[in-house]
């Protein structure tokens, strides 16, 4: 068995610069959108049950929405980035 060269490591490492960039953008955008949706849901619940909704549910929903949005955005970014890299041959 031998050590891989830097070029070989880049080929087998998975993501490239386009895919990494779109993954990061997808995480940020998805996380932001998810956080806003979660905050809105928490505010709605807070209007029904004031103390519990705004304090507990609002914060929790915002964090959960942020995480879910981040995962979805990352997946979309990786997929689109992978397609660009295959098309461009990077």
N, C-alpha and C. Protein backbone atom coordinates (compact mmCIF):
# COMPACT_ATOMS: atom_id res chain seq x y z
N UNK A 1 0.84 -1.17 0.00
CA UNK A 1 0.00 0.00 0.00
C UNK A 1 0.90 1.25 0.00
N UNK A 2 0.43 2.31 -0.66
CA UNK A 2 1.24 3.53 -0.74
C UNK A 2 0.41 4.73 -0.29
N UNK A 3 1.09 5.81 -0.04
CA UNK A 3 0.41 7.05 0.33
C UNK A 3 -0.12 7.72 -0.92
N UNK A 4 -1.25 8.40 -0.79
CA UNK A 4 -1.82 9.14 -1.91
C UNK A 4 -1.12 10.47 -2.07
N UNK A 5 -1.02 10.90 -3.32
CA UNK A 5 -0.47 12.23 -3.58
C UNK A 5 -1.57 13.26 -3.27
N UNK A 6 -1.19 14.53 -3.25
CA UNK A 6 -2.17 15.59 -2.96
C UNK A 6 -3.28 15.60 -4.02
N UNK A 7 -2.93 15.40 -5.26
CA UNK A 7 -3.92 15.39 -6.34
C UNK A 7 -4.88 14.21 -6.17
N UNK A 8 -4.35 13.05 -5.82
CA UNK A 8 -5.20 11.88 -5.59
C UNK A 8 -6.12 12.10 -4.39
N UNK A 9 -5.61 12.74 -3.34
CA UNK A 9 -6.45 13.01 -2.17
C UNK A 9 -7.59 13.96 -2.52
N UNK A 10 -7.31 14.95 -3.37
CA UNK A 10 -8.35 15.88 -3.80
C UNK A 10 -9.43 15.16 -4.61
N UNK A 11 -9.03 14.21 -5.42
CA UNK A 11 -9.99 13.48 -6.24
C UNK A 11 -10.91 12.59 -5.41
N UNK A 12 -10.41 12.01 -4.34
CA UNK A 12 -11.22 11.09 -3.55
C UNK A 12 -11.83 11.73 -2.30
N UNK A 13 -11.52 12.99 -2.03
CA UNK A 13 -11.99 13.62 -0.80
C UNK A 13 -13.48 13.95 -0.83
N UNK A 14 -14.10 13.93 -1.98
CA UNK A 14 -15.53 14.21 -2.03
C UNK A 14 -15.82 15.56 -2.65
N UNK A 15 -16.06 16.55 -1.82
CA UNK A 15 -16.51 17.85 -2.30
C UNK A 15 -15.37 18.68 -2.86
N UNK A 16 -15.73 19.51 -3.80
CA UNK A 16 -14.80 20.48 -4.35
C UNK A 16 -15.20 21.87 -3.90
N UNK A 17 -14.54 22.86 -4.45
CA UNK A 17 -14.77 24.24 -4.00
C UNK A 17 -16.19 24.71 -4.30
N UNK A 18 -16.73 24.37 -5.47
CA UNK A 18 -18.09 24.79 -5.81
C UNK A 18 -19.09 24.14 -4.87
N UNK A 19 -18.93 22.85 -4.67
CA UNK A 19 -19.84 22.12 -3.80
C UNK A 19 -19.74 22.61 -2.35
N UNK A 20 -18.53 22.85 -1.88
CA UNK A 20 -18.34 23.36 -0.51
C UNK A 20 -18.98 24.73 -0.34
N UNK A 21 -18.80 25.60 -1.33
CA UNK A 21 -19.35 26.95 -1.26
C UNK A 21 -20.87 26.92 -1.25
N UNK A 22 -21.47 26.15 -2.16
CA UNK A 22 -22.93 26.07 -2.20
C UNK A 22 -23.49 25.38 -0.96
N UNK A 23 -22.75 24.44 -0.40
CA UNK A 23 -23.15 23.79 0.85
C UNK A 23 -23.23 24.82 1.96
N UNK A 24 -22.20 25.65 2.09
CA UNK A 24 -22.17 26.68 3.13
C UNK A 24 -23.29 27.70 2.94
N UNK A 25 -23.48 28.14 1.70
CA UNK A 25 -24.56 29.09 1.41
C UNK A 25 -25.91 28.47 1.74
N UNK A 26 -26.09 27.21 1.34
CA UNK A 26 -27.34 26.51 1.64
C UNK A 26 -27.61 26.39 3.13
N UNK A 27 -26.56 26.12 3.91
CA UNK A 27 -26.72 26.04 5.36
C UNK A 27 -27.18 27.37 5.93
N UNK A 28 -26.55 28.45 5.50
CA UNK A 28 -26.88 29.79 6.03
C UNK A 28 -28.29 30.20 5.64
N UNK A 29 -28.63 30.06 4.36
CA UNK A 29 -29.95 30.46 3.89
C UNK A 29 -31.04 29.58 4.50
N UNK A 30 -30.82 28.28 4.45
CA UNK A 30 -31.80 27.36 5.03
C UNK A 30 -31.97 27.56 6.53
N UNK A 31 -30.86 27.78 7.22
CA UNK A 31 -30.93 28.03 8.65
C UNK A 31 -31.68 29.31 8.97
N UNK A 32 -31.44 30.34 8.18
CA UNK A 32 -32.14 31.61 8.39
C UNK A 32 -33.63 31.48 8.16
N UNK A 33 -34.00 30.83 7.06
CA UNK A 33 -35.41 30.65 6.75
C UNK A 33 -36.08 29.77 7.81
N UNK A 34 -35.41 28.69 8.18
CA UNK A 34 -35.96 27.81 9.21
C UNK A 34 -36.11 28.52 10.55
N UNK A 35 -35.15 29.37 10.89
CA UNK A 35 -35.23 30.12 12.14
C UNK A 35 -36.41 31.08 12.14
N UNK A 36 -36.64 31.74 11.00
CA UNK A 36 -37.77 32.68 10.88
C UNK A 36 -39.09 31.93 11.00
N UNK A 37 -39.20 30.79 10.33
CA UNK A 37 -40.43 30.00 10.41
C UNK A 37 -40.65 29.51 11.84
N UNK A 38 -39.57 29.04 12.48
CA UNK A 38 -39.69 28.59 13.86
C UNK A 38 -40.09 29.71 14.80
N UNK A 39 -39.54 30.89 14.60
CA UNK A 39 -39.89 32.04 15.43
C UNK A 39 -41.36 32.42 15.23
N UNK A 40 -41.80 32.39 13.99
CA UNK A 40 -43.20 32.70 13.70
C UNK A 40 -44.14 31.69 14.36
N UNK A 41 -43.76 30.42 14.28
CA UNK A 41 -44.58 29.38 14.92
C UNK A 41 -44.61 29.58 16.44
N UNK A 42 -43.45 29.90 17.01
CA UNK A 42 -43.40 30.15 18.45
C UNK A 42 -44.22 31.36 18.85
N UNK A 43 -44.21 32.40 18.02
CA UNK A 43 -45.02 33.60 18.31
C UNK A 43 -46.51 33.29 18.24
N UNK A 44 -46.89 32.47 17.26
CA UNK A 44 -48.30 32.09 17.15
C UNK A 44 -48.74 31.31 18.38
N UNK A 45 -47.92 30.34 18.77
CA UNK A 45 -48.25 29.56 19.96
C UNK A 45 -48.23 30.47 21.20
N UNK A 46 -47.32 31.43 21.21
CA UNK A 46 -47.25 32.38 22.31
C UNK A 46 -48.49 33.23 22.43
N UNK A 47 -49.16 33.50 21.30
CA UNK A 47 -50.40 34.28 21.37
C UNK A 47 -51.53 33.47 21.97
N UNK A 48 -51.44 32.15 21.84
CA UNK A 48 -52.46 31.27 22.42
C UNK A 48 -52.16 30.99 23.89
N UNK A 49 -50.94 30.64 24.19
CA UNK A 49 -50.51 30.35 25.56
C UNK A 49 -49.34 31.29 25.87
N UNK A 50 -49.60 32.48 26.42
CA UNK A 50 -48.60 33.54 26.49
C UNK A 50 -47.24 33.18 27.06
N UNK A 51 -47.12 32.80 28.29
CA UNK A 51 -45.81 32.62 28.90
C UNK A 51 -45.06 31.44 28.30
N UNK A 52 -45.71 30.31 28.21
CA UNK A 52 -45.06 29.09 27.71
C UNK A 52 -44.69 29.24 26.23
N UNK A 53 -45.60 29.78 25.45
CA UNK A 53 -45.38 29.89 24.01
C UNK A 53 -44.20 30.76 23.65
N UNK A 54 -44.14 31.96 24.20
CA UNK A 54 -43.08 32.87 23.80
C UNK A 54 -41.73 32.50 24.39
N UNK A 55 -41.73 32.04 25.62
CA UNK A 55 -40.46 31.77 26.29
C UNK A 55 -39.88 30.44 25.86
N UNK A 56 -40.63 29.38 26.03
CA UNK A 56 -40.10 28.04 25.79
C UNK A 56 -40.25 27.63 24.33
N UNK A 57 -41.47 27.64 23.86
CA UNK A 57 -41.75 27.15 22.51
C UNK A 57 -41.11 28.04 21.45
N UNK A 58 -41.15 29.35 21.65
CA UNK A 58 -40.56 30.27 20.66
C UNK A 58 -39.09 30.02 20.45
N UNK A 59 -38.34 29.93 21.53
CA UNK A 59 -36.90 29.67 21.41
C UNK A 59 -36.61 28.29 20.85
N UNK A 60 -37.35 27.31 21.33
CA UNK A 60 -37.14 25.94 20.88
C UNK A 60 -37.49 25.80 19.39
N UNK A 61 -38.62 26.37 19.00
CA UNK A 61 -39.04 26.27 17.59
C UNK A 61 -38.05 26.96 16.68
N UNK A 62 -37.50 28.09 17.13
CA UNK A 62 -36.51 28.80 16.33
C UNK A 62 -35.26 27.96 16.13
N UNK A 63 -34.79 27.32 17.19
CA UNK A 63 -33.58 26.49 17.08
C UNK A 63 -33.82 25.26 16.21
N UNK A 64 -34.98 24.63 16.41
CA UNK A 64 -35.30 23.44 15.61
C UNK A 64 -35.44 23.83 14.13
N UNK A 65 -36.15 24.93 13.87
CA UNK A 65 -36.31 25.40 12.49
C UNK A 65 -34.97 25.74 11.85
N UNK A 66 -34.10 26.36 12.62
CA UNK A 66 -32.77 26.70 12.12
C UNK A 66 -31.99 25.44 11.75
N UNK A 67 -32.03 24.45 12.61
CA UNK A 67 -31.29 23.20 12.36
C UNK A 67 -31.85 22.46 11.15
N UNK A 68 -33.17 22.32 11.09
CA UNK A 68 -33.79 21.62 9.96
C UNK A 68 -33.50 22.35 8.66
N UNK A 69 -33.67 23.67 8.66
CA UNK A 69 -33.38 24.47 7.47
C UNK A 69 -31.93 24.36 7.04
N UNK A 70 -31.03 24.31 8.02
CA UNK A 70 -29.61 24.19 7.73
C UNK A 70 -29.30 22.86 7.05
N UNK A 71 -29.89 21.79 7.55
CA UNK A 71 -29.66 20.46 6.97
C UNK A 71 -30.22 20.38 5.55
N UNK A 72 -31.43 20.90 5.37
CA UNK A 72 -32.05 20.88 4.04
C UNK A 72 -31.25 21.74 3.07
N UNK A 73 -30.87 22.95 3.51
CA UNK A 73 -30.09 23.84 2.66
C UNK A 73 -28.74 23.25 2.29
N UNK A 74 -28.12 22.58 3.24
CA UNK A 74 -26.84 21.93 2.98
C UNK A 74 -26.99 20.84 1.93
N UNK A 75 -28.03 20.04 2.06
CA UNK A 75 -28.27 18.97 1.08
C UNK A 75 -28.49 19.52 -0.32
N UNK A 76 -29.28 20.59 -0.39
CA UNK A 76 -29.53 21.21 -1.70
C UNK A 76 -28.24 21.79 -2.26
N UNK A 77 -27.47 22.47 -1.42
CA UNK A 77 -26.20 23.05 -1.86
C UNK A 77 -25.22 22.00 -2.35
N UNK A 78 -25.12 20.88 -1.63
CA UNK A 78 -24.21 19.81 -2.04
C UNK A 78 -24.64 19.21 -3.37
N UNK A 79 -25.95 19.02 -3.52
CA UNK A 79 -26.46 18.42 -4.76
C UNK A 79 -26.19 19.32 -5.96
N UNK A 80 -26.54 20.60 -5.83
CA UNK A 80 -26.33 21.54 -6.92
C UNK A 80 -24.84 21.70 -7.20
N UNK A 81 -24.04 21.80 -6.13
CA UNK A 81 -22.59 21.93 -6.32
C UNK A 81 -21.99 20.72 -7.02
N UNK A 82 -22.45 19.54 -6.65
CA UNK A 82 -21.96 18.32 -7.30
C UNK A 82 -22.31 18.30 -8.78
N UNK A 83 -23.52 18.75 -9.11
CA UNK A 83 -23.92 18.80 -10.51
C UNK A 83 -23.06 19.79 -11.31
N UNK A 84 -22.84 20.98 -10.73
CA UNK A 84 -21.98 21.97 -11.39
C UNK A 84 -20.58 21.41 -11.62
N UNK A 85 -20.05 20.75 -10.62
CA UNK A 85 -18.69 20.21 -10.74
C UNK A 85 -18.61 19.12 -11.81
N UNK A 86 -19.66 18.30 -11.91
CA UNK A 86 -19.66 17.26 -12.95
C UNK A 86 -19.77 17.90 -14.33
N UNK A 87 -20.63 18.91 -14.45
CA UNK A 87 -20.81 19.58 -15.74
C UNK A 87 -19.53 20.30 -16.16
N UNK A 88 -18.91 21.00 -15.20
CA UNK A 88 -17.72 21.77 -15.51
C UNK A 88 -16.45 20.92 -15.50
N UNK A 89 -16.53 19.71 -14.96
CA UNK A 89 -15.36 18.84 -14.92
C UNK A 89 -14.31 19.29 -13.90
N UNK A 90 -14.76 19.89 -12.82
CA UNK A 90 -13.82 20.38 -11.80
C UNK A 90 -13.51 19.27 -10.84
